[in-house]
Amino acid sequence: QVQLVESGGGLVQVEGSLTLSCAASGRTSSIAAMGWFRQTPGKARECVSAIRWTEDSTYYADSVKGRFTISRDNDKNTVHLQMNNLKPEDTAVYYCAADRDIRLGVPTSRYAYDYWGQGTQVTVSS
């Protein structure tokens, strides 16, 4: 089992920045990739960014390209999401997720991920 704990959410003004962090514990050697998802009421959970755990392959949703940066620290078993130039439409609950399966490419479907954090609220105020 892998446990994930997110931190860093909060309230920020438009064009501001936030950094989300996700700390993994437990059987971290089984992690193959980690992703950040977000969800708003009535909408499906979408992948905004993901990264393979032992390679530099990354994914960014078109809506966040150029504004968000994902990074990982394997020694500390953490993944970060640096979010810049935030927009009101970035408001959502953000979830960290871990995939234990070896795959080609970076998984972006929520169904590919096996472990989830509890979520952290990000609110962008205009």
N, C-alpha and C. Protein backbone atom coordinates (compact mmCIF):
# COMPACT_ATOMS: atom_id res chain seq x y z
N GLN A 1 0.83 -1.19 0.00
CA GLN A 1 0.00 0.00 0.00
C GLN A 1 0.87 1.25 0.00
N VAL A 2 0.34 2.27 -0.60
CA VAL A 2 1.01 3.57 -0.64
C VAL A 2 0.04 4.60 -0.08
N GLN A 3 0.54 5.44 0.81
CA GLN A 3 -0.27 6.52 1.36
C GLN A 3 0.24 7.84 0.78
N LEU A 4 -0.70 8.70 0.43
CA LEU A 4 -0.37 9.98 -0.18
C LEU A 4 -1.01 11.10 0.62
N VAL A 5 -0.23 12.13 0.91
CA VAL A 5 -0.75 13.28 1.65
C VAL A 5 -0.37 14.55 0.90
N GLU A 6 -1.41 15.30 0.49
CA GLU A 6 -1.17 16.55 -0.21
C GLU A 6 -1.09 17.71 0.77
N SER A 7 -0.41 18.75 0.33
CA SER A 7 -0.37 19.99 1.10
C SER A 7 -0.12 21.15 0.13
N GLY A 8 -0.37 22.35 0.62
CA GLY A 8 -0.05 23.53 -0.16
C GLY A 8 -1.21 24.24 -0.82
N GLY A 9 -2.41 23.68 -0.70
CA GLY A 9 -3.55 24.36 -1.30
C GLY A 9 -3.91 25.61 -0.51
N GLY A 10 -4.84 26.38 -1.05
CA GLY A 10 -5.28 27.58 -0.36
C GLY A 10 -5.95 28.55 -1.30
N LEU A 11 -6.07 29.77 -0.82
CA LEU A 11 -6.70 30.85 -1.57
C LEU A 11 -5.63 31.76 -2.15
N VAL A 12 -5.74 32.05 -3.42
CA VAL A 12 -4.75 32.90 -4.08
C VAL A 12 -5.47 33.80 -5.08
N GLN A 13 -4.91 34.93 -5.34
CA GLN A 13 -5.51 35.85 -6.30
C GLN A 13 -5.11 35.47 -7.73
N VAL A 14 -5.89 35.96 -8.66
CA VAL A 14 -5.59 35.73 -10.07
C VAL A 14 -4.16 36.18 -10.36
N GLU A 15 -3.48 35.37 -11.17
CA GLU A 15 -2.09 35.58 -11.57
C GLU A 15 -1.10 35.25 -10.46
N GLY A 16 -1.61 34.77 -9.36
CA GLY A 16 -0.73 34.37 -8.27
C GLY A 16 -0.17 32.97 -8.48
N SER A 17 0.58 32.51 -7.49
CA SER A 17 1.24 31.20 -7.57
C SER A 17 1.00 30.40 -6.31
N LEU A 18 1.00 29.09 -6.49
CA LEU A 18 0.94 28.15 -5.38
C LEU A 18 1.77 26.94 -5.75
N THR A 19 2.31 26.29 -4.74
CA THR A 19 3.00 25.01 -4.96
C THR A 19 2.32 23.94 -4.13
N LEU A 20 1.85 22.92 -4.80
CA LEU A 20 1.29 21.76 -4.12
C LEU A 20 2.37 20.71 -3.94
N SER A 21 2.31 20.04 -2.82
CA SER A 21 3.26 18.95 -2.56
C SER A 21 2.49 17.71 -2.18
N CYS A 22 3.08 16.57 -2.52
CA CYS A 22 2.47 15.29 -2.19
C CYS A 22 3.56 14.38 -1.64
N ALA A 23 3.38 13.95 -0.42
CA ALA A 23 4.33 13.06 0.22
C ALA A 23 3.81 11.63 0.19
N ALA A 24 4.63 10.74 -0.33
CA ALA A 24 4.25 9.34 -0.41
C ALA A 24 4.95 8.55 0.69
N SER A 25 4.24 7.60 1.25
CA SER A 25 4.82 6.72 2.27
C SER A 25 4.29 5.30 2.05
N GLY A 26 4.87 4.39 2.76
CA GLY A 26 4.48 2.99 2.59
C GLY A 26 5.37 2.32 1.57
N ARG A 27 4.77 1.56 0.69
CA ARG A 27 5.51 0.80 -0.31
C ARG A 27 5.84 1.68 -1.51
N THR A 28 6.67 2.67 -1.30
CA THR A 28 6.97 3.64 -2.35
C THR A 28 7.79 3.03 -3.48
N SER A 29 8.45 1.92 -3.23
CA SER A 29 9.23 1.26 -4.29
C SER A 29 8.33 0.74 -5.41
N SER A 30 7.04 0.64 -5.15
CA SER A 30 6.11 0.15 -6.17
C SER A 30 5.59 1.25 -7.08
N ILE A 31 5.92 2.50 -6.78
CA ILE A 31 5.40 3.61 -7.58
C ILE A 31 6.07 3.66 -8.95
N ALA A 32 5.27 3.72 -10.00
CA ALA A 32 5.79 3.85 -11.36
C ALA A 32 5.58 5.24 -11.92
N ALA A 33 4.54 5.90 -11.47
CA ALA A 33 4.24 7.26 -11.93
C ALA A 33 3.37 7.94 -10.90
N MET A 34 3.41 9.27 -10.93
CA MET A 34 2.52 10.03 -10.06
C MET A 34 1.88 11.14 -10.86
N GLY A 35 0.68 11.46 -10.47
CA GLY A 35 -0.05 12.48 -11.20
C GLY A 35 -0.79 13.42 -10.28
N TRP A 36 -1.12 14.56 -10.84
CA TRP A 36 -1.98 15.54 -10.17
C TRP A 36 -3.27 15.64 -10.97
N PHE A 37 -4.36 15.47 -10.28
CA PHE A 37 -5.69 15.59 -10.87
C PHE A 37 -6.44 16.71 -10.18
N ARG A 38 -7.48 17.19 -10.84
CA ARG A 38 -8.34 18.17 -10.19
C ARG A 38 -9.78 17.88 -10.54
N GLN A 39 -10.65 18.33 -9.66
CA GLN A 39 -12.07 18.06 -9.84
C GLN A 39 -12.89 19.22 -9.30
N THR A 40 -13.91 19.58 -10.06
CA THR A 40 -14.89 20.57 -9.63
C THR A 40 -16.25 19.89 -9.58
N PRO A 41 -17.18 20.44 -8.82
CA PRO A 41 -18.50 19.80 -8.68
C PRO A 41 -19.17 19.54 -10.02
N GLY A 42 -19.63 18.33 -10.19
CA GLY A 42 -20.36 17.97 -11.40
C GLY A 42 -19.48 17.59 -12.58
N LYS A 43 -18.18 17.65 -12.38
CA LYS A 43 -17.27 17.31 -13.49
C LYS A 43 -16.39 16.13 -13.11
N ALA A 44 -15.90 15.46 -14.14
CA ALA A 44 -15.02 14.32 -13.91
C ALA A 44 -13.65 14.80 -13.45
N ARG A 45 -12.98 13.93 -12.74
CA ARG A 45 -11.63 14.24 -12.29
C ARG A 45 -10.70 14.20 -13.50
N GLU A 46 -9.94 15.28 -13.70
CA GLU A 46 -9.07 15.35 -14.86
C GLU A 46 -7.61 15.44 -14.45
N CYS A 47 -6.78 14.85 -15.30
CA CYS A 47 -5.33 14.90 -15.06
C CYS A 47 -4.80 16.23 -15.56
N VAL A 48 -4.12 16.95 -14.69
CA VAL A 48 -3.49 18.20 -15.11
C VAL A 48 -2.01 18.01 -15.39
N SER A 49 -1.40 17.06 -14.69
CA SER A 49 0.01 16.80 -14.91
C SER A 49 0.39 15.45 -14.32
N ALA A 50 1.41 14.83 -14.90
CA ALA A 50 1.86 13.54 -14.40
C ALA A 50 3.33 13.36 -14.75
N ILE A 51 3.98 12.49 -14.01
CA ILE A 51 5.41 12.28 -14.21
C ILE A 51 5.75 10.83 -13.89
N ARG A 52 6.62 10.25 -14.68
CA ARG A 52 7.09 8.92 -14.38
C ARG A 52 8.08 9.00 -13.23
N TRP A 53 8.10 7.96 -12.42
CA TRP A 53 8.86 8.02 -11.18
C TRP A 53 10.36 7.90 -11.38
N THR A 54 10.79 7.20 -12.42
CA THR A 54 12.23 7.00 -12.63
C THR A 54 12.72 7.53 -13.96
N GLU A 55 11.87 8.26 -14.66
CA GLU A 55 12.27 8.88 -15.92
C GLU A 55 11.78 10.32 -15.91
N ASP A 56 12.20 11.08 -16.88
CA ASP A 56 11.80 12.48 -16.92
C ASP A 56 10.60 12.73 -17.81
N SER A 57 9.89 11.69 -18.15
CA SER A 57 8.69 11.88 -18.97
C SER A 57 7.62 12.55 -18.16
N THR A 58 7.02 13.57 -18.75
CA THR A 58 5.96 14.32 -18.08
C THR A 58 4.78 14.53 -19.02
N TYR A 59 3.67 14.89 -18.40
CA TYR A 59 2.46 15.24 -19.15
C TYR A 59 1.86 16.49 -18.54
N TYR A 60 1.35 17.36 -19.41
CA TYR A 60 0.61 18.53 -18.96
C TYR A 60 -0.65 18.66 -19.80
N ALA A 61 -1.74 18.92 -19.15
CA ALA A 61 -2.96 19.23 -19.88
C ALA A 61 -2.77 20.55 -20.63
N ASP A 62 -3.41 20.67 -21.75
CA ASP A 62 -3.27 21.89 -22.55
C ASP A 62 -3.60 23.14 -21.74
N SER A 63 -4.56 23.02 -20.85
CA SER A 63 -5.03 24.18 -20.09
C SER A 63 -3.99 24.70 -19.11
N VAL A 64 -2.96 23.91 -18.81
CA VAL A 64 -1.97 24.34 -17.82
C VAL A 64 -0.56 24.43 -18.39
N LYS A 65 -0.38 24.06 -19.64
CA LYS A 65 0.95 24.11 -20.24
C LYS A 65 1.52 25.52 -20.17
N GLY A 66 2.77 25.61 -19.78
CA GLY A 66 3.42 26.90 -19.67
C GLY A 66 3.19 27.61 -18.35
N ARG A 67 2.25 27.08 -17.55
CA ARG A 67 1.95 27.70 -16.26
C ARG A 67 2.27 26.78 -15.08
N PHE A 68 2.07 25.48 -15.26
CA PHE A 68 2.31 24.50 -14.19
C PHE A 68 3.58 23.71 -14.49
N THR A 69 4.30 23.35 -13.44
CA THR A 69 5.48 22.52 -13.57
C THR A 69 5.44 21.42 -12.52
N ILE A 70 5.59 20.19 -12.97
CA ILE A 70 5.62 19.06 -12.05
C ILE A 70 7.07 18.64 -11.84
N SER A 71 7.37 18.26 -10.62
CA SER A 71 8.72 17.78 -10.32
C SER A 71 8.62 16.73 -9.23
N ARG A 72 9.65 15.97 -9.09
CA ARG A 72 9.66 14.93 -8.06
C ARG A 72 11.00 14.93 -7.34
N ASP A 73 10.97 14.42 -6.12
CA ASP A 73 12.17 14.22 -5.33
C ASP A 73 12.12 12.77 -4.86
N ASN A 74 12.84 11.92 -5.56
CA ASN A 74 12.77 10.50 -5.26
C ASN A 74 13.32 10.18 -3.87
N ASP A 75 14.32 10.93 -3.45
CA ASP A 75 14.91 10.67 -2.13
C ASP A 75 13.90 10.93 -1.02
N LYS A 76 13.04 11.93 -1.23
CA LYS A 76 12.05 12.30 -0.22
C LYS A 76 10.67 11.74 -0.53
N ASN A 77 10.58 11.01 -1.65
CA ASN A 77 9.29 10.43 -2.05
C ASN A 77 8.19 11.48 -2.13
N THR A 78 8.52 12.59 -2.75
CA THR A 78 7.55 13.66 -2.89
C THR A 78 7.45 14.11 -4.35
N VAL A 79 6.31 14.63 -4.68
CA VAL A 79 6.09 15.24 -5.98
C VAL A 79 5.46 16.60 -5.75
N HIS A 80 5.86 17.55 -6.57
CA HIS A 80 5.40 18.92 -6.41
C HIS A 80 4.71 19.39 -7.69
N LEU A 81 3.80 20.31 -7.52
CA LEU A 81 3.17 20.95 -8.67
C LEU A 81 3.26 22.45 -8.44
N GLN A 82 4.17 23.08 -9.18
CA GLN A 82 4.30 24.53 -9.12
C GLN A 82 3.29 25.14 -10.08
N MET A 83 2.42 25.98 -9.54
CA MET A 83 1.34 26.57 -10.35
C MET A 83 1.52 28.07 -10.39
N ASN A 84 1.76 28.60 -11.56
CA ASN A 84 1.95 30.03 -11.76
C ASN A 84 0.84 30.62 -12.62
N ASN A 85 0.71 31.92 -12.55
CA ASN A 85 -0.28 32.62 -13.35
C ASN A 85 -1.65 31.95 -13.23
N LEU A 86 -2.07 31.75 -12.01
CA LEU A 86 -3.32 31.03 -11.77
C LEU A 86 -4.52 31.81 -12.25
N LYS A 87 -5.51 31.07 -12.72
CA LYS A 87 -6.74 31.65 -13.26
C LYS A 87 -7.93 31.15 -12.45
N PRO A 88 -9.04 31.86 -12.49
CA PRO A 88 -10.22 31.39 -11.75
C PRO A 88 -10.63 29.98 -12.14
N GLU A 89 -10.43 29.60 -13.39
CA GLU A 89 -10.81 28.26 -13.83
C GLU A 89 -9.89 27.17 -13.29
N ASP A 90 -8.83 27.53 -12.62
CA ASP A 90 -7.97 26.55 -11.94
C ASP A 90 -8.54 26.16 -10.58
N THR A 91 -9.56 26.86 -10.13
CA THR A 91 -10.19 26.54 -8.86
C THR A 91 -10.75 25.13 -8.88
N ALA A 92 -10.33 24.32 -7.92
CA ALA A 92 -10.75 22.91 -7.88
C ALA A 92 -10.15 22.26 -6.64
N VAL A 93 -10.59 21.05 -6.39
CA VAL A 93 -9.88 20.21 -5.43
C VAL A 93 -8.81 19.46 -6.21
N TYR A 94 -7.60 19.54 -5.74
CA TYR A 94 -6.48 18.88 -6.41
C TYR A 94 -6.10 17.61 -5.65
N TYR A 95 -5.93 16.55 -6.41
CA TYR A 95 -5.60 15.25 -5.84
C TYR A 95 -4.27 14.76 -6.39
N CYS A 96 -3.50 14.17 -5.54
CA CYS A 96 -2.29 13.47 -5.91
C CYS A 96 -2.63 11.99 -6.07
N ALA A 97 -1.99 11.36 -7.04
CA ALA A 97 -2.27 9.95 -7.27
C ALA A 97 -0.99 9.21 -7.67
N ALA A 98 -0.95 7.93 -7.36
CA ALA A 98 0.21 7.10 -7.69
C ALA A 98 -0.24 5.87 -8.47
N ASP A 99 0.54 5.56 -9.48
CA ASP A 99 0.28 4.38 -10.33
C ASP A 99 1.38 3.36 -10.07
N ARG A 100 1.03 2.14 -9.86
CA ARG A 100 2.02 1.10 -9.54
C ARG A 100 2.37 0.23 -10.75
N ASP A 101 1.69 0.47 -11.86
CA ASP A 101 1.90 -0.39 -13.01
C ASP A 101 2.90 0.21 -13.99
N ILE A 102 3.76 -0.64 -14.51
CA ILE A 102 4.71 -0.22 -15.52
C ILE A 102 3.97 -0.09 -16.85
N ARG A 103 4.05 1.10 -17.44
CA ARG A 103 3.32 1.35 -18.70
C ARG A 103 4.23 2.09 -19.67
N LEU A 104 3.79 2.08 -20.90
CA LEU A 104 4.45 2.95 -21.88
C LEU A 104 3.89 4.36 -21.69
N GLY A 105 4.76 5.33 -21.69
CA GLY A 105 4.31 6.70 -21.57
C GLY A 105 3.89 7.07 -20.16
N VAL A 106 3.23 8.21 -20.05
CA VAL A 106 2.78 8.73 -18.77
C VAL A 106 1.28 8.53 -18.67
N PRO A 107 0.81 7.85 -17.65
CA PRO A 107 -0.64 7.62 -17.53
C PRO A 107 -1.38 8.90 -17.22
N THR A 108 -2.49 9.10 -17.92
CA THR A 108 -3.29 10.31 -17.71
C THR A 108 -4.73 10.01 -17.33
N SER A 109 -5.12 8.76 -17.43
CA SER A 109 -6.48 8.39 -17.05
C SER A 109 -6.56 8.15 -15.55
N ARG A 110 -7.65 8.63 -14.94
CA ARG A 110 -7.78 8.43 -13.49
C ARG A 110 -7.91 6.94 -13.16
N TYR A 111 -8.33 6.15 -14.13
CA TYR A 111 -8.51 4.73 -13.89
C TYR A 111 -7.18 4.00 -13.84
N ALA A 112 -6.11 4.64 -14.28
CA ALA A 112 -4.79 4.01 -14.27
C ALA A 112 -4.14 4.08 -12.90
N TYR A 113 -4.64 4.95 -12.05
CA TYR A 113 -3.99 5.21 -10.77
C TYR A 113 -4.60 4.38 -9.66
N ASP A 114 -3.71 3.89 -8.80
CA ASP A 114 -4.13 2.96 -7.76
C ASP A 114 -4.31 3.59 -6.39
N TYR A 115 -3.60 4.66 -6.14
CA TYR A 115 -3.63 5.27 -4.82
C TYR A 115 -3.91 6.76 -4.96
N TRP A 116 -4.66 7.30 -4.00
CA TRP A 116 -5.09 8.69 -4.06
C TRP A 116 -4.91 9.37 -2.72
N GLY A 117 -4.57 10.64 -2.77
CA GLY A 117 -4.56 11.45 -1.58
C GLY A 117 -5.96 11.94 -1.26
N GLN A 118 -6.07 12.70 -0.19
CA GLN A 118 -7.38 13.15 0.28
C GLN A 118 -7.85 14.40 -0.44
N GLY A 119 -6.95 15.05 -1.15
CA GLY A 119 -7.31 16.25 -1.90
C GLY A 119 -7.02 17.51 -1.12
N THR A 120 -6.71 18.56 -1.87
CA THR A 120 -6.48 19.87 -1.26
C THR A 120 -7.16 20.93 -2.14
N GLN A 121 -7.84 21.85 -1.49
CA GLN A 121 -8.60 22.86 -2.22
C GLN A 121 -7.70 23.99 -2.69
N VAL A 122 -7.86 24.33 -3.95
CA VAL A 122 -7.20 25.51 -4.51
C VAL A 122 -8.30 26.44 -5.01
N THR A 123 -8.29 27.64 -4.50
CA THR A 123 -9.29 28.63 -4.90
C THR A 123 -8.57 29.87 -5.44
N VAL A 124 -8.89 30.22 -6.67
CA VAL A 124 -8.29 31.39 -7.30
C VAL A 124 -9.33 32.47 -7.35
N SER A 125 -9.06 33.55 -6.67
CA SER A 125 -10.03 34.63 -6.53
C SER A 125 -9.73 35.76 -7.50
N SER A 126 -10.80 36.24 -8.13
CA SER A 126 -10.64 37.38 -9.03
C SER A 126 -11.06 38.67 -8.34
